[in-house]
Amino acid sequence: MNLIQVDDILQAELLIYKKIRENAFSADNSFIADSPKVVNLLLESEVKIKSILATQEYYDEFKALVERKEIEFLYVAEKKELEKVVGHTLHHNCMMHGTRPPQTELKNLGDNVIMLDEISSSENVGSIARSAAALGVNSYLLPSKAPNPFNRRALRVSMGHSALLQTHIYEDIFGTIESLKKSGYKIFAAEVTQSSTPLMEATVPRKWVLLMGHEGKGLSQKILNLCDEVVTIEMQEGIKSFNVAVAASIIMYTFKQKSQKR
């Protein structure tokens, strides 16, 4: 393991770590991940890793894992130098510069898909990714205007599990739903309406898409009209909704159980 000692954290080769923390991605789809749990999961994935910036302690502890990848640049620095990149005290000792994997074409997604409309929170994007990976819902559809699952905050909340999903970023939700329906998916929208099917009463086929709406606005009537069925989680009287990431997790789990029994 050929470590490169860093004396000046602001040298040109390392500016990418500071730059991408301020701007989500560079032209070559680079992203920055931080914390050992996230970086280590990415080391076990197919994600291309350009460099690691970490303390000697990190390399000592995870030497075998790091050496499994062919990584050209392995920078080692004191923790106080790493903190100069982020501008505050760090509770971890490593960062990683990687390249987002290519998108999966719509036609190549799996049988079970979690799809988001206008989600605004990086935390929700990351939390849903983590739940999807845990439940075996391996395809993630997001709009181009939503936070990307590989942005730093979303990736950290997902604990790196975004890298385990087939991801497709779409531009037109209406055209995308139509294409999915032609491919044999049943499109379920999660929304509270007077005609929503209670979750436990829904019939779930082998191929399904679960569409989640905006944290505040939900899904528009125009989108609901295009879906095959609208489902809602049975709740106590007076409770209007769950957090979108919590709701997605509950429905994905239920759908997986129902579809596996068919």
Protein backbone atom coordinates (compact mmCIF):
# COMPACT_ATOMS: atom_id res chain seq x y z
CA MET A 1 0.00 0.00 0.00
CA ASN A 2 1.75 3.13 -1.27
CA LEU A 3 0.67 6.01 0.96
CA ILE A 4 1.27 9.61 -0.08
CA GLN A 5 2.10 11.83 2.88
CA VAL A 6 0.25 15.15 2.81
CA ASP A 7 1.91 18.17 4.33
CA ASP A 8 -0.28 20.80 2.64
CA ILE A 9 -3.96 19.87 2.58
CA LEU A 10 -4.66 22.71 0.14
CA GLN A 11 -2.36 21.38 -2.58
CA ALA A 12 -3.92 21.26 -6.05
CA GLU A 13 -4.43 17.48 -6.07
CA LEU A 14 -6.65 17.67 -2.99
CA LEU A 15 -8.79 20.69 -3.81
CA ILE A 16 -11.43 18.32 -5.19
CA TYR A 17 -12.26 17.36 -1.59
CA LYS A 18 -13.10 20.94 -0.71
CA LYS A 19 -14.66 21.88 -4.05
CA ILE A 20 -17.18 19.06 -4.22
CA ARG A 21 -18.31 19.66 -0.67
CA GLU A 22 -19.52 23.05 -1.95
CA ASN A 23 -20.82 21.86 -5.34
CA ALA A 24 -22.53 18.48 -5.56
CA PHE A 25 -20.59 16.97 -8.48
CA SER A 26 -17.92 17.77 -11.03
CA ALA A 27 -18.15 17.34 -14.80
CA ASP A 28 -16.88 13.75 -14.60
CA ASN A 29 -19.57 12.74 -12.06
CA SER A 30 -17.14 12.80 -9.16
CA PHE A 31 -18.50 12.71 -5.63
CA ILE A 32 -17.07 12.84 -2.11
CA ALA A 33 -17.96 10.38 0.63
CA ASP A 34 -16.89 10.52 4.25
CA SER A 35 -16.75 8.38 7.40
CA PRO A 36 -15.33 4.85 7.62
CA LYS A 37 -18.71 3.09 7.47
CA VAL A 38 -19.63 4.76 4.18
CA VAL A 39 -16.17 4.55 2.63
CA ASN A 40 -15.76 0.90 3.59
CA LEU A 41 -19.07 -0.10 2.05
CA LEU A 42 -18.08 1.71 -1.15
CA LEU A 43 -14.77 -0.15 -1.12
CA GLU A 44 -16.78 -3.37 -1.27
CA SER A 45 -18.96 -2.11 -4.15
CA GLU A 46 -18.30 -1.67 -7.87
CA VAL A 47 -17.93 2.10 -7.52
CA LYS A 48 -14.73 3.47 -9.08
CA ILE A 49 -12.58 5.10 -6.40
CA LYS A 50 -10.10 7.76 -7.46
CA SER A 51 -8.47 8.50 -4.11
CA ILE A 52 -8.77 8.24 -0.35
CA LEU A 53 -7.76 10.94 2.09
CA ALA A 54 -7.41 9.53 5.59
CA THR A 55 -5.35 9.31 8.74
CA GLN A 56 -2.68 6.68 9.29
CA GLU A 57 -4.97 5.04 11.84
CA TYR A 58 -7.62 4.44 9.16
CA TYR A 59 -5.15 2.78 6.80
CA ASP A 60 -3.72 0.65 9.60
CA GLU A 61 -7.17 -0.63 10.62
CA PHE A 62 -8.55 -1.26 7.13
CA LYS A 63 -5.37 -2.12 5.21
CA ALA A 64 -6.72 -5.39 3.77
CA LEU A 65 -9.95 -3.76 2.58
CA VAL A 66 -8.17 -0.85 0.91
CA GLU A 67 -5.72 -3.13 -0.85
CA ARG A 68 -8.55 -5.07 -2.51
CA LYS A 69 -9.14 -2.09 -4.79
CA GLU A 70 -6.67 -0.66 -7.26
CA ILE A 71 -6.66 2.93 -6.02
CA GLU A 72 -4.01 5.17 -7.52
CA PHE A 73 -3.86 7.83 -4.83
CA LEU A 74 -3.93 7.03 -1.10
CA TYR A 75 -3.30 10.25 0.80
CA VAL A 76 -2.45 10.20 4.49
CA ALA A 77 -2.72 13.26 6.72
CA GLU A 78 -3.23 14.23 10.34
CA LYS A 79 -6.83 14.63 11.43
CA LYS A 80 -6.31 18.35 12.01
CA GLU A 81 -5.39 18.66 8.32
CA LEU A 82 -8.59 16.87 7.28
CA GLU A 83 -10.56 19.32 9.38
CA LYS A 84 -9.18 22.19 7.31
CA VAL A 85 -11.08 20.76 4.31
CA VAL A 86 -14.46 20.77 6.03
CA GLY A 87 -13.92 23.77 8.26
CA HIS A 88 -15.07 22.15 11.50
CA THR A 89 -14.25 19.35 13.94
CA LEU A 90 -14.49 15.89 12.41
CA HIS A 91 -15.87 12.82 14.15
CA HIS A 92 -14.34 10.48 11.57
CA ASN A 93 -10.95 10.02 9.98
CA CYS A 94 -11.38 9.44 6.25
CA MET A 95 -12.85 10.79 3.01
CA MET A 96 -13.07 9.29 -0.44
CA HIS A 97 -13.20 10.68 -3.99
CA GLY A 98 -15.18 8.44 -6.34
CA THR A 99 -17.14 8.46 -9.57
CA ARG A 100 -20.86 7.80 -9.67
CA PRO A 101 -21.71 4.56 -11.49
CA PRO A 102 -23.55 4.87 -14.81
CA GLN A 103 -27.33 4.97 -14.70
CA THR A 104 -29.34 1.81 -15.30
CA GLU A 105 -31.61 2.05 -18.32
CA LEU A 106 -35.32 2.04 -17.54
CA LYS A 107 -35.81 -1.26 -19.37
CA ASN A 108 -33.16 -2.96 -17.23
CA LEU A 109 -34.57 -2.15 -13.79
CA GLY A 110 -35.60 -4.99 -11.49
CA ASP A 111 -39.10 -6.25 -10.72
CA ASN A 112 -39.50 -4.00 -7.69
CA VAL A 113 -38.91 -0.25 -8.02
CA ILE A 114 -39.09 2.63 -5.56
CA MET A 115 -39.83 5.88 -7.43
CA LEU A 116 -39.76 9.43 -6.08
CA ASP A 117 -41.54 12.50 -7.37
CA GLU A 118 -40.44 15.93 -6.09
CA ILE A 119 -38.54 14.92 -2.97
CA SER A 120 -36.58 17.88 -1.58
CA SER A 121 -34.64 16.40 1.34
CA SER A 122 -31.24 14.72 0.87
CA GLU A 123 -31.83 12.94 4.17
CA ASN A 124 -35.05 11.37 2.87
CA VAL A 125 -33.38 10.33 -0.38
CA GLY A 126 -30.61 8.64 1.58
CA SER A 127 -32.92 7.05 4.13
CA ILE A 128 -35.15 5.57 1.42
CA ALA A 129 -32.08 4.19 -0.36
CA ARG A 130 -30.92 2.45 2.80
CA SER A 131 -34.35 0.91 3.43
CA ALA A 132 -34.70 -0.18 -0.19
CA ALA A 133 -31.33 -1.94 -0.12
CA ALA A 134 -32.20 -3.64 3.17
CA LEU A 135 -35.56 -4.88 1.86
CA GLY A 136 -34.31 -6.07 -1.53
CA VAL A 137 -35.96 -3.31 -3.57
CA ASN A 138 -32.92 -2.83 -5.76
CA SER A 139 -34.10 -0.22 -8.28
CA TYR A 140 -34.32 3.50 -7.49
CA LEU A 141 -36.03 6.03 -9.77
CA LEU A 142 -35.56 9.73 -9.03
CA PRO A 143 -36.34 13.00 -10.83
CA SER A 144 -33.44 15.09 -12.08
CA LYS A 145 -34.49 17.96 -9.78
CA ALA A 146 -34.33 15.86 -6.61
CA PRO A 147 -31.17 15.42 -4.52
CA ASN A 148 -28.96 12.77 -6.09
CA PRO A 149 -28.45 9.64 -3.95
CA PHE A 150 -24.69 10.16 -4.36
CA ASN A 151 -24.60 13.66 -2.97
CA ARG A 152 -22.60 13.77 0.25
CA ARG A 153 -25.50 14.05 2.71
CA ALA A 154 -27.75 11.50 0.99
CA LEU A 155 -24.88 9.04 0.66
CA ARG A 156 -23.97 9.42 4.31
CA VAL A 157 -27.56 8.92 5.52
CA SER A 158 -27.82 5.84 3.30
CA MET A 159 -24.61 4.56 4.93
CA GLY A 160 -23.30 4.02 1.41
CA HIS A 161 -26.15 1.72 0.40
CA SER A 162 -27.06 4.00 -2.52
CA ALA A 163 -24.17 2.28 -4.30
CA LEU A 164 -25.95 -1.08 -4.07
CA LEU A 165 -29.02 0.08 -6.02
CA GLN A 166 -29.73 0.33 -9.73
CA THR A 167 -30.44 4.02 -10.15
CA HIS A 168 -32.19 5.86 -12.99
CA ILE A 169 -32.70 9.63 -13.11
CA TYR A 170 -35.71 10.71 -15.16
CA GLU A 171 -36.80 14.05 -16.65
CA ASP A 172 -40.51 13.50 -17.42
CA ILE A 173 -42.57 11.70 -14.80
CA PHE A 174 -45.55 11.18 -17.08
CA GLY A 175 -43.55 9.62 -19.90
CA THR A 176 -41.61 7.52 -17.42
CA ILE A 177 -44.76 6.11 -15.81
CA GLU A 178 -46.19 5.26 -19.24
CA SER A 179 -42.98 3.45 -20.19
CA LEU A 180 -43.03 1.47 -16.95
CA LYS A 181 -46.64 0.44 -17.50
CA LYS A 182 -45.80 -0.77 -21.00
CA SER A 183 -43.03 -2.86 -19.46
CA GLY A 184 -45.55 -4.69 -17.29
CA TYR A 185 -45.22 -2.87 -13.98
CA LYS A 186 -48.23 -2.05 -11.83
CA ILE A 187 -47.82 1.53 -10.62
CA PHE A 188 -48.84 2.16 -7.02
CA ALA A 189 -49.03 5.73 -5.70
CA ALA A 190 -48.75 6.31 -1.96
CA GLU A 191 -51.24 9.01 -1.00
CA VAL A 192 -54.10 9.65 1.39
CA THR A 193 -57.30 10.08 -0.64
CA GLN A 194 -60.96 9.17 -0.13
CA SER A 195 -60.58 6.28 -2.58
CA SER A 196 -57.16 4.98 -1.45
CA THR A 197 -56.83 1.23 -0.92
CA PRO A 198 -55.75 0.35 2.64
CA LEU A 199 -52.25 -1.08 2.43
CA MET A 200 -53.14 -4.48 3.86
CA GLU A 201 -55.92 -4.90 1.29
CA ALA A 202 -53.75 -4.16 -1.76
CA THR A 203 -53.07 -6.97 -4.23
CA VAL A 204 -49.43 -6.78 -5.28
CA PRO A 205 -48.12 -8.50 -8.45
CA ARG A 206 -44.56 -9.65 -9.09
CA LYS A 207 -43.63 -6.45 -10.96
CA TRP A 208 -44.46 -3.23 -9.16
CA VAL A 209 -43.43 0.40 -8.79
CA LEU A 210 -44.09 2.35 -5.60
CA LEU A 211 -44.31 6.11 -6.22
CA MET A 212 -43.75 8.48 -3.30
CA GLY A 213 -44.62 12.18 -3.45
CA HIS A 214 -43.19 15.43 -2.10
CA GLU A 215 -42.77 15.72 1.68
CA GLY A 216 -45.34 18.50 1.91
CA LYS A 217 -47.38 18.58 -1.29
CA GLY A 218 -47.66 14.85 -1.91
CA LEU A 219 -48.64 13.73 -5.42
CA SER A 220 -50.73 15.82 -7.81
CA GLN A 221 -54.11 14.59 -9.00
CA LYS A 222 -52.76 14.44 -12.55
CA ILE A 223 -50.09 11.98 -11.47
CA LEU A 224 -52.53 9.98 -9.34
CA ASN A 225 -54.82 9.59 -12.35
CA LEU A 226 -51.99 7.98 -14.30
CA CYS A 227 -51.20 5.38 -11.64
CA ASP A 228 -52.91 1.99 -11.47
CA GLU A 229 -53.80 2.19 -7.79
CA VAL A 230 -53.45 4.53 -4.82
CA VAL A 231 -52.57 2.97 -1.48
CA THR A 232 -52.47 4.39 2.02
CA ILE A 233 -51.16 3.12 5.35
CA GLU A 234 -53.87 2.58 7.92
CA MET A 235 -53.34 5.14 10.69
CA GLN A 236 -54.95 6.15 13.93
CA GLU A 237 -57.68 8.78 13.70
CA GLY A 238 -56.29 12.30 13.75
CA ILE A 239 -52.89 11.32 12.32
CA LYS A 240 -52.56 12.59 8.77
CA SER A 241 -49.31 11.10 7.52
CA PHE A 242 -45.91 9.51 8.12
CA ASN A 243 -42.55 10.95 7.18
CA VAL A 244 -42.05 9.99 3.52
CA ALA A 245 -39.01 7.80 4.26
CA VAL A 246 -40.87 5.96 7.03
CA ALA A 247 -43.92 5.48 4.82
CA ALA A 248 -41.79 4.20 1.94
CA SER A 249 -40.14 1.65 4.24
CA ILE A 250 -43.46 0.35 5.58
CA ILE A 251 -45.01 0.02 2.13
CA MET A 252 -41.91 -1.54 0.52
CA TYR A 253 -41.77 -4.17 3.27
CA THR A 254 -45.47 -4.98 2.88
CA PHE A 255 -45.24 -5.10 -0.92
CA LYS A 256 -42.25 -7.45 -0.79
CA GLN A 257 -44.13 -9.80 1.51
CA LYS A 258 -47.26 -9.75 -0.64
CA SER A 259 -45.51 -10.14 -4.01
CA GLN A 260 -43.32 -13.03 -2.78
CA LYS A 261 -46.42 -15.02 -1.88
CA ARG A 262 -47.84 -14.83 -5.40
